[in-house]
Amino acid sequence: MQPPWLNAPPVEPYPFEETYNLRVGPDLHPALLGLLPYIGRWRGRGRGGYPTIEDFDYAQEIEIAHDGRPFLHYRSRAWLLDEQSKPVRPLGREVGWWRPVMDGERATDDLEVLLSNPTGIMELYLGRVSGTRIEMATDAVLRTATAKEVTAGQRLFGIVEGALLYAQEMAAVGHGLSPHLSARLLRVGG
C-alpha cells in the first residue's frame, strides 16, 4: 500500500510569517520581551583577526527574526572589504536559534543559543541577558572531520546608542581564547 502523500499534489508556499519587523507579522511571544531590542535587520562594519591570520576589515548583515513562538531565528553573513571599503569576497555565514530558558511559563535571564556555519562547525552557547547586554560562552563545539579545530568561544552583544555592537573571542588551532571579531551594526530594518 502506498503512503497517501506519495502522489499528492504540491503544497502551497509556507503559510506562516516570520518577521524581523515588529510592525507586521505575528505577535511577539511574551518570553522574548527581554530580547526585543535585538529583533531586526542590522548592517555595519567590523574588524577581524586572530593569532594565525592578518587583521581584516569586513561588512556584515545580521537578521534576528521571530514567528510568534518563544525563540528567535538568527542569520548572519559577512564579506571582506578592501582598503577602499569595496566588497572583495564572501566571508563567514551563520544560522541558528536564540532561546530564552523558561521557568514554567516565565522566561528567565538565561539564554541558549545554537549556531551552525557551512564550514562544519556547530556551537552551543549558554548566556545571560542583562538589560541590553548579552554575554555567552560555548558549552559545546561540534566539528565535522574536515572542519578547522575550534574548541571554544565567547560572545558579547549590546545595544549601544541604538547600534548593535558585538565582540567575539575564539579558541582554535592550538590557541586559547583570543579576540577574533568585533563590529558595530546599524538597524536597517525592523
Protein backbone atom coordinates (compact mmCIF):
# COMPACT_ATOMS: atom_id res chain seq x y z
CA MET A 1 0.00 0.00 0.00
CA GLN A 2 1.36 3.43 -0.97
CA PRO A 3 1.51 6.27 1.58
CA PRO A 4 -1.15 8.96 0.95
CA TRP A 5 1.43 11.71 0.33
CA LEU A 6 3.25 9.83 -2.44
CA ASN A 7 1.07 11.11 -5.30
CA ALA A 8 -0.47 14.13 -3.58
CA PRO A 9 -0.42 17.49 -5.41
CA PRO A 10 2.24 20.09 -4.49
CA VAL A 11 1.55 22.18 -1.39
CA GLU A 12 1.26 25.95 -1.29
CA PRO A 13 4.24 28.05 -0.02
CA TYR A 14 4.97 28.01 3.72
CA PRO A 15 1.87 29.68 5.22
CA PHE A 16 3.32 31.16 8.41
CA GLU A 17 5.02 34.52 8.63
CA GLU A 18 8.43 35.15 10.15
CA THR A 19 9.48 38.73 10.65
CA TYR A 20 12.27 40.96 11.87
CA ASN A 21 9.86 43.91 11.67
CA LEU A 22 7.72 44.16 14.80
CA ARG A 23 5.18 46.36 12.99
CA VAL A 24 3.97 43.44 10.85
CA GLY A 25 3.52 39.72 11.27
CA PRO A 26 2.75 37.63 14.31
CA ASP A 27 2.69 38.98 17.84
CA LEU A 28 5.94 38.64 19.75
CA HIS A 29 5.88 35.77 22.24
CA PRO A 30 6.00 37.19 25.81
CA ALA A 31 9.09 35.07 26.57
CA LEU A 32 11.04 37.20 24.05
CA LEU A 33 10.43 40.59 25.65
CA GLY A 34 13.97 40.63 27.14
CA LEU A 35 15.39 40.12 23.62
CA LEU A 36 13.12 42.68 21.93
CA PRO A 37 15.90 45.27 21.29
CA TYR A 38 17.80 42.73 19.14
CA ILE A 39 14.98 41.88 16.74
CA GLY A 40 15.61 43.49 13.37
CA ARG A 41 17.94 43.61 10.40
CA TRP A 42 21.36 45.09 11.19
CA ARG A 43 24.20 46.06 8.86
CA GLY A 44 27.62 47.52 9.50
CA ARG A 45 31.39 47.14 9.62
CA GLY A 46 33.84 45.28 11.75
CA ARG A 47 37.43 44.25 12.22
CA GLY A 48 38.67 40.70 12.44
CA GLY A 49 41.88 38.89 13.20
CA TYR A 50 43.44 36.00 15.06
CA PRO A 51 46.99 34.99 16.04
CA THR A 52 47.21 32.82 12.90
CA ILE A 53 45.89 35.36 10.34
CA GLU A 54 46.34 39.01 9.38
CA ASP A 55 43.77 41.54 10.55
CA PHE A 56 41.00 42.34 8.09
CA ASP A 57 38.02 44.68 7.66
CA TYR A 58 34.60 43.30 6.90
CA ALA A 59 30.96 44.22 6.43
CA GLN A 60 28.14 42.20 7.93
CA GLU A 61 24.39 41.81 7.93
CA ILE A 62 22.58 40.13 10.81
CA GLU A 63 18.87 39.38 10.82
CA ILE A 64 17.12 38.39 14.04
CA ALA A 65 13.50 37.39 13.47
CA HIS A 66 10.59 35.61 15.17
CA ASP A 67 7.46 33.73 14.12
CA GLY A 68 5.41 34.15 17.30
CA ARG A 69 6.93 31.20 19.13
CA PRO A 70 9.39 31.52 22.09
CA PHE A 71 12.65 31.63 20.12
CA LEU A 72 14.47 33.88 17.66
CA HIS A 73 15.91 32.91 14.29
CA TYR A 74 19.45 34.30 13.83
CA ARG A 75 21.12 34.69 10.44
CA SER A 76 24.45 36.35 9.72
CA ARG A 77 26.50 36.88 6.58
CA ALA A 78 29.74 38.80 6.22
CA TRP A 79 32.01 39.89 3.38
CA LEU A 80 35.61 41.03 3.17
CA LEU A 81 36.28 44.71 2.40
CA ASP A 82 39.36 46.17 0.73
CA GLU A 83 41.15 49.38 1.76
CA GLN A 84 38.52 51.46 -0.10
CA SER A 85 35.64 49.60 1.64
CA LYS A 86 34.75 47.76 -1.57
CA PRO A 87 33.48 44.16 -1.34
CA VAL A 88 36.17 41.58 -2.10
CA ARG A 89 34.55 38.18 -1.38
CA PRO A 90 32.10 36.45 0.95
CA LEU A 91 33.28 35.59 4.47
CA GLY A 92 31.51 33.76 7.28
CA ARG A 93 27.87 32.77 7.46
CA GLU A 94 25.90 31.53 10.45
CA VAL A 95 22.35 30.45 11.12
CA GLY A 96 20.81 29.46 14.39
CA TRP A 97 18.38 29.97 17.21
CA TRP A 98 18.30 32.07 20.37
CA ARG A 99 16.04 30.55 23.04
CA PRO A 100 15.28 32.04 26.45
CA VAL A 101 15.40 29.48 29.25
CA MET A 102 11.94 29.11 30.73
CA ASP A 103 10.91 28.64 34.36
CA GLY A 104 7.42 27.32 33.84
CA GLU A 105 5.64 29.98 31.79
CA ARG A 106 8.17 32.73 32.63
CA ALA A 107 11.37 33.49 30.72
CA THR A 108 14.48 33.75 32.86
CA ASP A 109 17.52 35.90 32.04
CA ASP A 110 19.34 32.78 30.82
CA LEU A 111 19.72 32.10 27.12
CA GLU A 112 20.54 29.05 24.98
CA VAL A 113 21.99 29.78 21.54
CA LEU A 114 22.55 27.20 18.80
CA LEU A 115 24.71 28.31 15.83
CA SER A 116 25.87 26.46 12.75
CA ASN A 117 28.07 27.51 9.85
CA PRO A 118 28.88 25.99 6.46
CA THR A 119 32.50 25.24 7.40
CA GLY A 120 31.37 22.30 9.53
CA ILE A 121 31.21 23.87 13.00
CA MET A 122 28.20 23.85 15.32
CA GLU A 123 28.27 25.73 18.63
CA LEU A 124 26.03 25.62 21.69
CA TYR A 125 26.30 28.81 23.73
CA LEU A 126 24.88 29.42 27.19
CA GLY A 127 24.36 33.04 28.03
CA ARG A 128 22.69 35.65 30.16
CA VAL A 129 20.64 38.70 29.22
CA SER A 130 21.21 41.79 31.38
CA GLY A 131 19.24 44.76 30.06
CA THR A 132 20.59 45.43 26.56
CA ARG A 133 23.70 43.29 27.11
CA ILE A 134 24.11 39.60 26.35
CA GLU A 135 27.14 37.56 27.37
CA MET A 136 27.52 33.96 26.20
CA ALA A 137 30.15 31.23 26.18
CA THR A 138 30.26 27.87 24.46
CA ASP A 139 29.06 24.84 26.36
CA ALA A 140 29.89 22.57 23.40
CA VAL A 141 31.53 22.81 19.99
CA LEU A 142 30.95 20.08 17.39
CA ARG A 143 33.02 19.79 14.22
CA THR A 144 32.98 17.68 11.12
CA ALA A 145 36.14 15.70 10.37
CA THR A 146 37.29 18.35 7.87
CA ALA A 147 36.42 21.47 9.90
CA LYS A 148 39.01 23.79 11.42
CA GLU A 149 39.82 22.93 15.04
CA VAL A 150 37.65 25.31 17.09
CA THR A 151 37.33 24.37 20.75
CA ALA A 152 35.59 27.29 22.50
CA GLY A 153 34.09 30.72 22.04
CA GLN A 154 32.72 33.71 23.88
CA ARG A 155 30.47 36.46 22.56
CA LEU A 156 29.32 39.77 23.95
CA PHE A 157 26.39 41.63 22.35
CA GLY A 158 25.00 45.02 23.31
CA ILE A 159 22.69 47.70 22.08
CA VAL A 160 24.59 50.97 22.49
CA GLU A 161 23.08 54.27 21.32
CA GLY A 162 20.74 52.34 19.01
CA ALA A 163 23.50 50.26 17.36
CA LEU A 164 24.22 46.55 17.76
CA LEU A 165 27.80 46.08 18.96
CA TYR A 166 29.47 42.73 19.47
CA ALA A 167 32.82 41.16 20.21
CA GLN A 168 33.71 37.52 19.66
CA GLU A 169 36.60 35.52 21.08
CA MET A 170 37.60 32.11 19.78
CA ALA A 171 39.87 29.26 20.86
CA ALA A 172 41.15 27.44 17.77
CA VAL A 173 44.09 25.68 16.13
CA GLY A 174 46.08 25.36 19.35
CA HIS A 175 45.44 28.90 20.67
CA GLY A 176 43.40 29.78 23.74
CA LEU A 177 40.56 32.28 23.71
CA SER A 178 41.71 35.26 21.64
CA PRO A 179 39.88 38.23 20.11
CA HIS A 180 38.53 37.29 16.68
CA LEU A 181 35.73 39.64 15.53
CA SER A 182 34.15 42.91 16.62
CA ALA A 183 31.64 45.10 14.82
CA ARG A 184 29.13 47.92 15.03
CA LEU A 185 25.92 47.37 13.07
CA LEU A 186 23.09 49.83 12.50
CA ARG A 187 19.42 48.89 12.32
CA VAL A 188 18.34 48.93 8.67
CA GLY A 189 15.01 47.16 9.13
CA GLY A 190 12.57 46.30 11.87
